[in-house]
Protein backbone atom coordinates (compact mmCIF):
# COMPACT_ATOMS: atom_id res chain seq x y z
CA MET A 1 0.00 0.00 0.00
CA SER A 2 1.30 3.40 -0.97
CA GLU A 3 2.00 5.82 1.86
CA SER A 4 0.83 8.71 -0.33
CA SER A 5 -2.54 7.26 -1.35
CA PRO A 6 -5.29 7.33 1.28
CA LEU A 7 -7.15 4.12 1.94
CA PRO A 8 -10.94 4.04 1.64
CA PRO A 9 -12.62 5.28 4.83
CA VAL A 10 -13.65 2.68 7.37
CA ARG A 11 -16.88 2.73 9.34
CA LEU A 12 -16.07 2.10 12.98
CA THR A 13 -18.46 1.37 15.80
CA SER A 14 -18.32 3.63 18.84
CA GLU A 15 -15.34 3.45 21.19
CA ALA A 16 -17.68 2.37 24.00
CA GLU A 17 -18.84 -0.65 21.96
CA LEU A 18 -15.29 -1.45 20.89
CA ALA A 19 -14.09 -1.30 24.50
CA ARG A 20 -16.82 -3.75 25.51
CA ASP A 21 -15.76 -6.03 22.68
CA ALA A 22 -12.13 -5.78 23.83
CA LEU A 23 -13.00 -6.73 27.42
CA ALA A 24 -14.96 -9.72 26.11
CA THR A 25 -12.14 -11.15 24.01
CA PRO A 26 -10.95 -14.50 25.37
CA LEU A 27 -7.29 -13.48 25.59
CA LEU A 28 -7.65 -10.12 27.32
CA SER A 29 -10.31 -11.41 29.72
CA ARG A 30 -8.04 -14.32 30.68
CA ALA A 31 -5.10 -11.97 31.14
CA ALA A 32 -7.18 -9.79 33.47
CA ARG A 33 -8.36 -12.80 35.47
CA LEU A 34 -4.79 -13.98 35.94
CA ALA A 35 -3.70 -10.50 37.02
CA ARG A 36 -6.35 -10.64 39.76
CA TRP A 37 -5.46 -14.24 40.61
CA ALA A 38 -1.76 -13.47 41.11
CA GLY A 39 -0.68 -13.02 44.72
CA PRO A 40 2.33 -12.84 47.01
CA ASP A 41 3.28 -16.44 46.27
CA THR A 42 3.15 -16.06 42.47
CA ARG A 43 6.59 -16.37 40.90
CA VAL A 44 7.94 -15.72 37.42
CA GLY A 45 11.10 -16.62 35.57
CA ALA A 46 13.74 -14.32 34.13
CA GLY A 47 11.58 -13.50 31.10
CA GLY A 48 8.49 -12.72 33.16
CA GLU A 49 6.88 -16.09 32.41
CA LEU A 50 5.07 -18.04 35.10
CA VAL A 51 7.28 -20.72 36.60
CA GLU A 52 6.26 -24.17 35.40
CA GLU A 53 4.90 -25.42 38.72
CA GLN A 54 2.38 -22.55 38.82
CA LEU A 55 0.93 -23.11 35.38
CA PRO A 56 -1.59 -25.75 36.57
CA GLY A 57 -2.88 -23.28 39.16
CA ALA A 58 -3.20 -20.56 36.54
CA ALA A 59 -5.03 -22.92 34.18
CA ASP A 60 -7.35 -23.93 37.01
CA ALA A 61 -8.06 -20.26 37.80
CA LEU A 62 -9.13 -19.82 34.18
CA GLY A 63 -11.26 -22.95 34.18
CA LEU A 64 -9.08 -24.57 31.54
CA THR A 65 -8.62 -28.30 31.09
CA GLY A 66 -7.04 -30.54 28.50
CA ASP A 67 -3.67 -30.76 26.81
CA ASP A 68 -3.54 -27.08 25.84
CA ALA A 69 -4.58 -25.68 29.23
CA ALA A 70 -1.07 -24.85 30.44
CA ALA A 71 -0.05 -23.29 27.11
CA THR A 72 -3.23 -21.17 27.00
CA ALA A 73 -2.66 -19.98 30.58
CA SER A 74 0.98 -19.19 29.77
CA GLU A 75 -0.07 -17.09 26.77
CA ALA A 76 -2.64 -15.19 28.85
CA TRP A 77 -0.02 -14.52 31.53
CA ARG A 78 2.42 -13.16 28.97
CA VAL A 79 -0.26 -10.76 27.72
CA ALA A 80 -0.98 -9.69 31.30
CA VAL A 81 2.70 -8.82 31.78
CA ASP A 82 3.11 -7.12 28.39
CA THR A 83 0.01 -4.96 28.83
CA GLY A 84 0.91 -3.81 32.35
CA LEU A 85 -1.92 -5.72 34.04
CA VAL A 86 0.82 -7.41 36.07
CA GLU A 87 4.10 -5.84 37.21
CA ILE A 88 7.27 -7.62 38.23
CA VAL A 89 8.20 -5.98 41.53
CA ASP A 90 11.29 -8.05 42.36
CA GLU A 91 13.21 -9.48 39.40
CA GLU A 92 15.63 -11.42 41.59
CA ASP A 93 12.89 -13.09 43.62
CA GLY A 94 10.40 -13.23 40.70
CA ALA A 95 7.66 -11.53 42.74
CA VAL A 96 4.75 -9.81 41.02
CA ALA A 97 1.85 -7.50 41.84
CA ALA A 98 -1.19 -6.12 40.08
CA GLY A 99 -0.14 -3.53 37.51
CA ALA A 100 -1.34 0.03 37.33
CA ASP A 101 -3.18 -0.65 34.07
CA LEU A 102 -5.40 -3.35 35.62
CA ALA A 103 -7.67 -0.67 37.07
CA LEU A 104 -8.14 0.82 33.59
CA LEU A 105 -10.17 -2.20 32.58
CA THR A 106 -12.84 -1.42 35.15
CA SER A 107 -12.60 2.31 35.74
CA GLY A 108 -10.82 3.69 32.67
CA ALA A 109 -12.39 5.42 29.69
CA PRO A 110 -13.10 3.35 26.55
CA GLN A 111 -9.93 4.75 24.98
CA ASP A 112 -7.90 3.48 27.96
CA VAL A 113 -9.33 -0.01 27.55
CA LEU A 114 -8.60 0.05 23.83
CA GLY A 115 -5.04 1.14 24.56
CA VAL A 116 -4.53 -1.97 26.71
CA TRP A 117 -6.10 -4.12 24.00
CA LEU A 118 -3.84 -2.66 21.30
CA THR A 119 -0.80 -3.64 23.38
CA ALA A 120 -2.19 -7.17 23.69
CA LEU A 121 -2.68 -7.23 19.93
CA GLU A 122 0.98 -6.36 19.34
CA THR A 123 2.04 -9.21 21.63
CA VAL A 124 -0.07 -11.71 19.69
CA LEU A 125 1.07 -10.42 16.30
CA ALA A 126 4.68 -10.87 17.40
CA ASP A 127 3.89 -14.43 18.50
CA ALA A 128 2.15 -15.17 15.19
CA SER A 129 5.37 -14.45 13.28
CA VAL A 130 7.40 -16.98 15.32
CA PRO A 131 7.94 -20.51 13.93
CA ASP A 132 5.94 -23.42 15.28
CA LEU A 133 7.23 -24.74 18.63
CA ASP A 134 7.93 -28.16 17.15
CA ASP A 135 10.16 -26.52 14.53
CA LEU A 136 12.02 -24.66 17.28
CA VAL A 137 12.62 -27.89 19.20
CA ASP A 138 13.94 -29.56 16.05
CA ALA A 139 16.32 -26.64 15.50
CA VAL A 140 18.07 -26.96 18.87
CA ASP A 141 21.69 -27.89 18.27
CA GLY A 142 24.00 -30.02 20.38
CA GLY A 143 24.88 -27.11 22.64
CA GLY A 144 21.26 -26.40 23.50
CA GLU A 145 21.12 -23.26 21.33
CA ILE A 146 18.52 -22.68 18.58
CA ASP A 147 20.06 -22.86 15.12
CA PHE A 148 17.92 -20.18 13.42
CA SER A 149 19.60 -20.76 10.05
CA SER A 150 18.13 -24.28 9.93
CA LEU A 151 14.61 -22.88 10.30
CA ASP A 152 14.73 -20.90 7.06
CA TRP A 153 13.12 -18.15 9.13
CA ASP A 154 13.58 -14.42 8.65
CA PRO A 155 11.78 -12.63 11.51
CA GLU A 156 11.55 -9.35 9.61
CA ALA A 157 10.23 -11.01 6.45
CA GLU A 158 7.68 -13.02 8.45
CA ALA A 159 6.39 -9.89 10.17
CA GLU A 160 6.21 -8.04 6.84
CA PHE A 161 4.30 -10.94 5.26
CA LEU A 162 1.71 -10.97 8.04
CA ASP A 163 1.42 -7.18 7.92
CA GLY A 164 0.86 -7.41 4.17
CA VAL A 165 -1.85 -10.04 4.54
CA LEU A 166 -3.64 -8.02 7.21
CA GLY A 167 -3.31 -4.89 5.06
CA ASN A 168 -4.93 -6.69 2.13
CA LEU A 169 -7.69 -8.01 4.37
CA TYR A 170 -8.31 -4.48 5.67
CA LEU A 171 -8.44 -3.10 2.13
CA LEU A 172 -10.84 -5.84 1.00
CA THR A 173 -13.07 -5.06 3.98
CA VAL A 174 -13.26 -1.27 3.62
CA SER A 175 -13.30 -0.97 -0.18
CA GLU A 176 -16.63 -0.21 -1.80
CA GLY A 177 -17.73 -3.37 -3.56
CA GLY A 178 -15.19 -5.41 -1.55
CA ALA A 179 -15.78 -8.13 1.01
CA GLY A 180 -17.37 -5.85 3.61
CA GLU A 181 -18.61 -7.99 6.48
CA SER A 182 -18.40 -11.20 4.42
CA PRO A 183 -15.55 -13.63 5.13
CA VAL A 184 -12.65 -13.90 2.70
CA PRO A 185 -11.47 -17.36 1.55
CA LEU A 186 -8.00 -18.11 2.88
CA PRO A 187 -6.68 -19.23 -0.56
CA ALA A 188 -7.67 -15.85 -2.05
CA LEU A 189 -5.91 -14.00 0.75
CA ALA A 190 -2.76 -16.09 0.35
CA ALA A 191 -2.84 -15.61 -3.44
CA SER A 192 -3.06 -11.83 -2.98
CA MET A 193 0.43 -11.97 -1.48
CA ILE A 194 1.98 -14.54 -3.82
CA VAL A 195 0.49 -14.33 -7.32
CA PRO A 196 1.78 -11.37 -9.38
CA ASP A 197 -0.94 -9.02 -10.66
CA ASP A 198 0.12 -9.51 -14.27
CA MET A 199 0.21 -13.33 -14.10
CA GLY A 200 -2.49 -15.05 -16.12
CA GLU A 201 -2.46 -18.73 -15.21
CA PRO A 202 -0.43 -19.43 -12.04
CA THR A 203 2.39 -21.92 -12.46
CA ASN A 204 2.62 -25.06 -10.35
CA ASP A 205 5.45 -23.47 -8.38
CA VAL A 206 3.30 -20.42 -7.60
CA LEU A 207 0.34 -22.62 -6.62
CA GLU A 208 2.60 -24.53 -4.24
CA GLN A 209 3.73 -21.24 -2.68
CA VAL A 210 0.08 -20.21 -2.27
CA SER A 211 -0.68 -23.53 -0.59
CA ASP A 212 2.26 -23.11 1.82
CA ALA A 213 1.22 -19.54 2.59
CA MET A 214 -2.35 -20.65 3.20
CA MET A 215 -1.22 -23.17 5.81
CA ARG A 216 0.97 -20.55 7.51
CA LEU A 217 -2.01 -18.21 7.64
CA ASP A 218 -4.17 -20.98 9.06
CA ASP A 219 -1.77 -21.25 12.01
CA GLN A 220 -1.51 -17.48 12.39
CA PHE A 221 -5.23 -16.73 12.30
CA ARG A 222 -5.83 -19.44 14.91
CA LEU A 223 -3.56 -17.36 17.18
CA LEU A 224 -5.18 -14.05 16.23
CA GLU A 225 -8.79 -15.05 16.80
CA PRO A 226 -8.66 -15.15 20.65
CA VAL A 227 -7.48 -11.52 20.79
CA GLY A 228 -10.58 -10.51 18.83
CA LEU A 229 -8.88 -9.40 15.62
CA VAL A 230 -10.72 -11.83 13.33
CA ASP A 231 -13.51 -14.33 13.10
CA PHE A 232 -11.86 -17.41 11.63
CA GLN A 233 -12.99 -20.72 10.23
CA PRO A 234 -9.84 -22.89 10.08
CA VAL A 235 -8.85 -25.16 7.22
CA ASP A 236 -10.75 -28.43 7.38
CA GLU A 237 -8.32 -30.92 8.95
CA THR A 238 -9.54 -33.71 6.68
CA LEU A 239 -8.14 -31.75 3.75
CA MET A 240 -4.71 -31.73 5.38
CA ALA A 241 -4.97 -35.45 5.97
CA ASP A 242 -5.76 -35.95 2.29
CA ALA A 243 -3.29 -33.35 1.03
CA ASP A 244 -1.61 -35.84 -1.30
CA GLU A 245 -4.84 -36.83 -2.99
CA GLU A 246 -5.67 -35.26 -6.30
CA SER A 247 -9.21 -34.43 -5.16
CA SER A 248 -7.88 -31.88 -2.68
CA ALA A 249 -5.74 -30.00 -5.19
CA ALA A 250 -8.33 -27.29 -5.78
CA ALA A 251 -11.54 -26.15 -4.16
CA ASP A 252 -14.74 -25.73 -6.09
CA ASP A 253 -17.30 -23.07 -5.25
CA ALA A 254 -19.33 -25.45 -3.10
CA ASP A 255 -16.59 -26.32 -0.61
CA VAL A 256 -14.24 -23.33 -0.72
CA SER A 257 -15.08 -22.64 2.93
CA ARG A 258 -13.30 -25.90 3.85
CA TYR A 259 -10.04 -24.16 2.90
CA GLY A 260 -10.51 -21.56 5.61
CA MET A 261 -12.50 -18.31 5.85
CA VAL A 262 -11.55 -15.14 7.70
CA ARG A 263 -13.08 -11.74 8.33
CA LEU A 264 -12.05 -8.77 10.42
CA THR A 265 -14.21 -8.04 13.44
CA PRO A 266 -15.25 -4.44 14.21
CA LEU A 267 -12.52 -4.50 16.85
CA GLY A 268 -10.09 -5.86 14.27
CA LEU A 269 -10.87 -2.99 11.90
CA TYR A 270 -10.18 -0.55 14.72
CA GLY A 271 -6.90 -2.28 15.60
CA LEU A 272 -5.58 -2.51 12.06
CA ARG A 273 -6.51 1.12 11.35
CA ALA A 274 -4.58 2.17 14.46
CA ARG A 275 -1.53 0.24 13.23
CA LEU A 276 -1.82 1.71 9.73
CA LEU A 277 -1.96 5.23 11.15
CA GLU A 278 1.03 4.45 13.36
CA SER A 279 2.99 3.34 10.28
CA GLY A 280 2.32 6.66 8.55
CA LEU A 281 -0.46 5.62 6.16
CA THR A 282 -3.56 7.73 5.64
CA ALA A 283 -6.45 5.58 6.88
CA PRO A 284 -9.56 7.75 7.28
CA ALA A 285 -12.67 6.78 9.21
CA VAL A 286 -16.19 7.93 8.48
CA GLY A 287 -16.88 10.76 10.93
CA ASP A 288 -13.33 12.15 10.97
CA LEU A 289 -14.53 15.32 9.22
CA ALA A 290 -17.75 15.85 11.17
CA ASP A 291 -16.27 18.55 13.41
CA LYS A 292 -14.21 20.22 10.69
CA GLY A 293 -15.12 23.04 8.30
CA ALA A 294 -16.94 22.66 5.00
CA ASP A 295 -13.67 23.16 3.10
CA ALA A 296 -12.21 20.09 4.83
CA LEU A 297 -15.38 18.11 4.12
CA LEU A 298 -15.47 18.93 0.40
CA ASP A 299 -11.73 18.33 -0.07
CA GLY A 300 -11.61 15.29 2.21
CA THR A 301 -14.47 13.40 0.57
CA ALA A 302 -13.03 13.97 -2.93
CA ALA A 303 -11.29 10.58 -2.81
CA PHE A 304 -14.10 8.77 -0.97
CA PRO A 305 -16.32 6.19 -2.69
CA PRO A 306 -19.91 7.48 -3.10
CA THR A 307 -21.44 5.56 -0.19
CA ALA A 308 -18.72 6.63 2.24
CA ALA A 309 -18.86 10.24 1.01
CA ARG A 310 -22.59 10.35 1.64
CA ALA A 311 -22.20 8.84 5.12
CA GLU A 312 -19.48 11.35 6.01
CA THR A 313 -21.60 14.24 4.72
CA GLU A 314 -24.65 13.06 6.67
CA GLN A 315 -22.63 13.06 9.89
CA TRP A 316 -21.29 16.53 9.09
CA LEU A 317 -24.79 17.90 8.40
CA ALA A 318 -26.22 16.30 11.54
CA ARG A 319 -24.10 18.64 13.70
CA ARG A 320 -25.30 21.85 12.00
CA GLU A 321 -28.44 23.82 11.32
CA PRO A 322 -29.48 23.36 7.66
CA LEU A 323 -29.31 27.04 6.68
CA ALA A 324 -25.91 27.62 8.31
CA ALA A 325 -24.58 24.38 6.79
CA ALA A 326 -25.72 25.41 3.30
CA ARG A 327 -24.04 28.81 3.59
CA GLU A 328 -20.81 27.22 4.79
CA LEU A 329 -20.83 24.68 1.97
CA LEU A 330 -21.46 27.32 -0.68
CA ALA A 331 -18.66 29.52 0.65
CA ALA A 332 -16.24 26.57 0.59
CA ALA A 333 -17.24 25.70 -2.99
CA ARG A 334 -15.96 28.96 -4.43
CA GLY A 335 -12.60 29.17 -6.16
CA GLY A 336 -10.72 29.05 -9.43
CA ASP A 337 -8.12 26.46 -8.45
CA ALA A 338 -7.86 23.03 -10.06
CA GLY A 339 -9.83 21.36 -7.26
CA ALA A 340 -12.71 23.84 -7.28
CA PRO A 341 -14.98 22.08 -9.84
CA LEU A 342 -14.88 18.87 -7.81
CA ARG A 343 -15.59 20.84 -4.62
CA ARG A 344 -18.65 22.35 -6.27
CA LEU A 345 -19.83 18.91 -7.39
CA HIS A 346 -19.51 17.61 -3.83
CA CYS A 347 -21.19 20.77 -2.56
CA GLN A 348 -24.13 20.07 -4.86
CA GLN A 349 -24.28 16.46 -3.65
CA ALA A 350 -24.16 17.60 -0.01
CA LEU A 351 -26.89 20.19 -0.55
CA SER A 352 -29.12 17.48 -2.02
CA LEU A 353 -29.30 16.08 1.53
CA VAL A 354 -30.57 19.40 2.96
CA GLY A 355 -34.24 20.35 3.01
CA LEU A 356 -36.04 23.56 2.05
CA GLU A 357 -34.76 25.24 5.22
CA ALA A 358 -31.62 25.97 3.18
CA GLU A 359 -33.49 27.84 0.41
CA PRO A 360 -32.44 31.36 1.56
CA ALA A 361 -28.75 30.40 1.24
CA LEU A 362 -29.26 29.24 -2.33
CA ARG A 363 -31.17 32.37 -3.30
CA GLU A 364 -28.35 34.49 -1.91
CA VAL A 365 -25.95 33.15 -4.57
CA LEU A 366 -28.23 33.25 -7.63
CA ASP A 367 -26.17 36.07 -9.14
CA ASP A 368 -22.83 34.48 -8.26
CA ALA A 369 -20.90 33.49 -11.39
CA GLU A 370 -19.56 30.28 -9.81
CA LEU A 371 -22.54 29.20 -7.71
CA GLY A 372 -25.57 30.64 -9.50
CA GLY A 373 -25.92 27.62 -11.79
CA LEU A 374 -25.90 24.99 -9.07
CA ALA A 375 -28.22 27.20 -6.98
CA ARG A 376 -30.78 27.19 -9.78
CA VAL A 377 -30.49 23.42 -10.16
CA TRP A 378 -31.08 22.93 -6.40
CA LEU A 379 -34.04 25.31 -6.27
CA SER A 380 -35.67 23.69 -9.30
CA GLU A 381 -35.18 20.17 -7.95
CA HIS A 382 -36.78 21.24 -4.65
CA GLY A 383 -39.81 22.75 -6.39
CA ALA A 384 -39.05 26.34 -5.37
CA ALA A 385 -41.04 29.11 -7.02
CA ASP A 386 -39.74 32.10 -8.98
CA VAL A 387 -36.42 30.57 -10.02
CA PRO A 388 -34.88 32.91 -12.62
CA PRO A 389 -33.75 31.20 -15.83
CA PRO A 390 -29.98 31.02 -16.30
CA SER A 391 -28.27 33.06 -18.96
CA GLU A 392 -26.58 31.27 -21.86
CA ALA A 393 -23.21 32.26 -20.42
CA MET A 394 -24.10 30.65 -17.09
CA ILE A 395 -25.28 27.45 -18.79
CA PHE A 396 -22.00 27.12 -20.68
CA TRP A 397 -19.95 27.94 -17.56
CA LEU A 398 -21.83 25.30 -15.54
CA THR A 399 -21.34 22.75 -18.32
CA ILE A 400 -17.57 23.31 -18.37
CA ASP A 401 -17.46 23.19 -14.55
CA THR A 402 -19.45 19.95 -14.43
CA ILE A 403 -17.25 18.18 -16.99
CA ALA A 404 -14.12 19.40 -15.20
CA ALA A 405 -15.45 17.93 -11.95
CA GLN A 406 -16.25 14.59 -13.56
CA LEU A 407 -12.82 14.45 -15.18
CA ALA A 408 -11.27 14.98 -11.75
CA ALA A 409 -13.51 12.38 -10.14
CA GLU A 410 -13.63 9.63 -12.75
CA GLY A 411 -11.19 10.40 -15.56
CA ASN A 412 -12.21 9.36 -19.06
CA SER A 413 -15.19 7.27 -17.99
CA ALA A 414 -17.88 5.81 -20.25
CA GLU A 415 -20.44 8.00 -18.50
CA LEU A 416 -18.45 11.12 -19.33
CA GLN A 417 -18.03 9.99 -22.93
CA GLY A 418 -21.81 9.68 -23.20
CA LEU A 419 -22.21 13.20 -21.81
CA VAL A 420 -19.70 14.59 -24.32
CA GLU A 421 -21.43 12.88 -27.26
CA GLY A 422 -24.81 14.17 -26.09
CA LEU A 423 -23.60 17.76 -25.77
CA ALA A 424 -22.04 17.81 -29.23
CA GLN A 425 -25.16 16.26 -30.76
CA GLN A 426 -27.67 18.59 -29.06
CA HIS A 427 -25.70 21.79 -29.63
CA GLY A 428 -24.23 21.96 -33.11
CA SER A 429 -22.42 25.18 -32.31
CA PHE A 430 -21.26 24.12 -28.85
CA PHE A 431 -17.54 24.36 -29.54
CA ALA A 432 -17.89 27.70 -31.30
CA ALA A 433 -19.23 29.16 -28.07
CA ALA A 434 -17.53 26.99 -25.47
CA TRP A 435 -13.98 28.20 -26.11
CA ARG A 436 -15.02 31.70 -25.00
CA VAL A 437 -16.21 30.50 -21.55
CA ASP A 438 -14.29 32.34 -18.83
CA HIS A 439 -13.45 29.26 -16.75
CA PRO A 440 -9.88 28.17 -15.82
CA ALA A 441 -10.63 24.59 -16.92
CA THR A 442 -12.08 25.44 -20.37
CA PRO A 443 -8.95 24.42 -22.40
CA ASP A 444 -8.51 21.15 -20.52
CA VAL A 445 -12.21 20.28 -20.78
CA LEU A 446 -12.28 20.90 -24.55
CA GLU A 447 -9.11 18.83 -25.01
CA ALA A 448 -10.73 16.00 -23.06
CA MET A 449 -13.85 16.24 -25.23
CA GLY A 450 -11.60 15.91 -28.27
CA ARG A 451 -10.10 12.72 -26.82
CA LEU A 452 -13.42 11.26 -25.81
CA HIS A 453 -15.62 11.91 -28.84
CA PRO A 454 -15.56 8.97 -31.30
CA ASP A 455 -16.40 11.13 -34.33
CA LYS A 456 -13.12 12.38 -35.84
CA LYS A 457 -14.71 15.54 -37.24
CA VAL A 458 -16.27 16.51 -33.92
CA ALA A 459 -13.08 15.63 -32.06
CA LYS A 460 -11.12 17.92 -34.37
CA GLU A 461 -13.56 20.76 -33.66
CA ALA A 462 -13.05 20.21 -29.93
CA ARG A 463 -9.26 20.33 -30.27
CA LYS A 464 -9.45 23.54 -32.33
CA ALA A 465 -11.71 25.08 -29.68
CA ALA A 466 -9.26 23.99 -26.95
CA PHE A 467 -6.41 25.72 -28.81
CA LYS A 468 -8.44 28.95 -29.06
CA ALA A 469 -9.34 28.78 -25.38
CA ARG A 470 -5.75 28.28 -24.35
CA SER A 471 -4.61 31.16 -26.54
CA GLN A 472 -7.33 33.38 -25.08
CA GLN A 473 -6.13 32.54 -21.56
CA GLY A 474 -2.55 33.30 -22.54
CA GLY A 475 -1.46 29.68 -22.33
């Protein structure tokens, strides 16, 4: 993901709801219970881990049984230490006490709780990039040291791979037309990291890499689910048992879920956005602009997909009186800079969400060269009486402004091509008049019309008009 390109805005639930979700996650709730369970007789090793003879007691305190009980308790204890729920008060003796952050879980603000949870998330993400314990045991050399070279393990590369996968999952979730709240098949997520964009049919070698990555992700998402980052359906173990059989080489549409499915939880979206922001990426959330000025709203939503832009605008309008909001939007829409046409388009879209209470603001700008056209459109659409007809000059100016805005928003789209063809067909002398329009974007708009129109004769007229307009503007 490019650091210069903003990601689509994410819709987050309230911090209060997210904090409740964080407290309810299996891992953080276990860590908190162990922090309260720990007492004067609790002892830890040099790394802060519970000594082995106390693991059964910790597992019992958590109500855990079975082969994994001690390992689960050990993981929860590590999170308790890393998040400050437990403090080591005597390193030599291994004594511990409740940490200062334990009280935040019961008496802190939602943001405090989420801060503790984010620290727990970092602990689990670090664990998820570590090789399987069995592999570590196999890598112990004769001197009792781990031979990392035999693991074929690069800690930095592993962390980057997992970050990339989570980044792709985030993008799939927040993109308009993406996965949304639906789970993503694990093979598709693995392929997004392995298969080059320009590759047609993946080679056998690439497919094998995807399969290996999928199994790594299966292990990693099993670790990440208890911290509340994802909802995860693991790979069907019968598939792994039959991995050598030809029937398991590819999944059809009916049983793709057997190969694993994953989706980000609302808490997971919050956590990944926080990490993206921390890494320097622009990761907006719907509502970020609600307390900012209209100029920030119109500029900020320029890169938003339509649904997100509307949601952001609705939140912005909800905090203001309709008439005052309309006046602020209209004032922010003025300008002759390159971004002004798109601001006016977004202003028009925002004003479509405002009722007749805003009518006085629109009437105030009827004689404004930049806003008079959109004011007439709004008043007519809202059934207002006594709307003065626009002059020919205003109609042409609004046409140029509208095409400039659509070029900025969509580029050379099929919709814009249809608009260009319609204009040239309906107004035989359009180009003869259009080059005289006193709008900064007139030359660029006419050049674009020349590119877009399929008729060579009409396209030539557009290019000639663009040349005249540029000459008139001294370009």
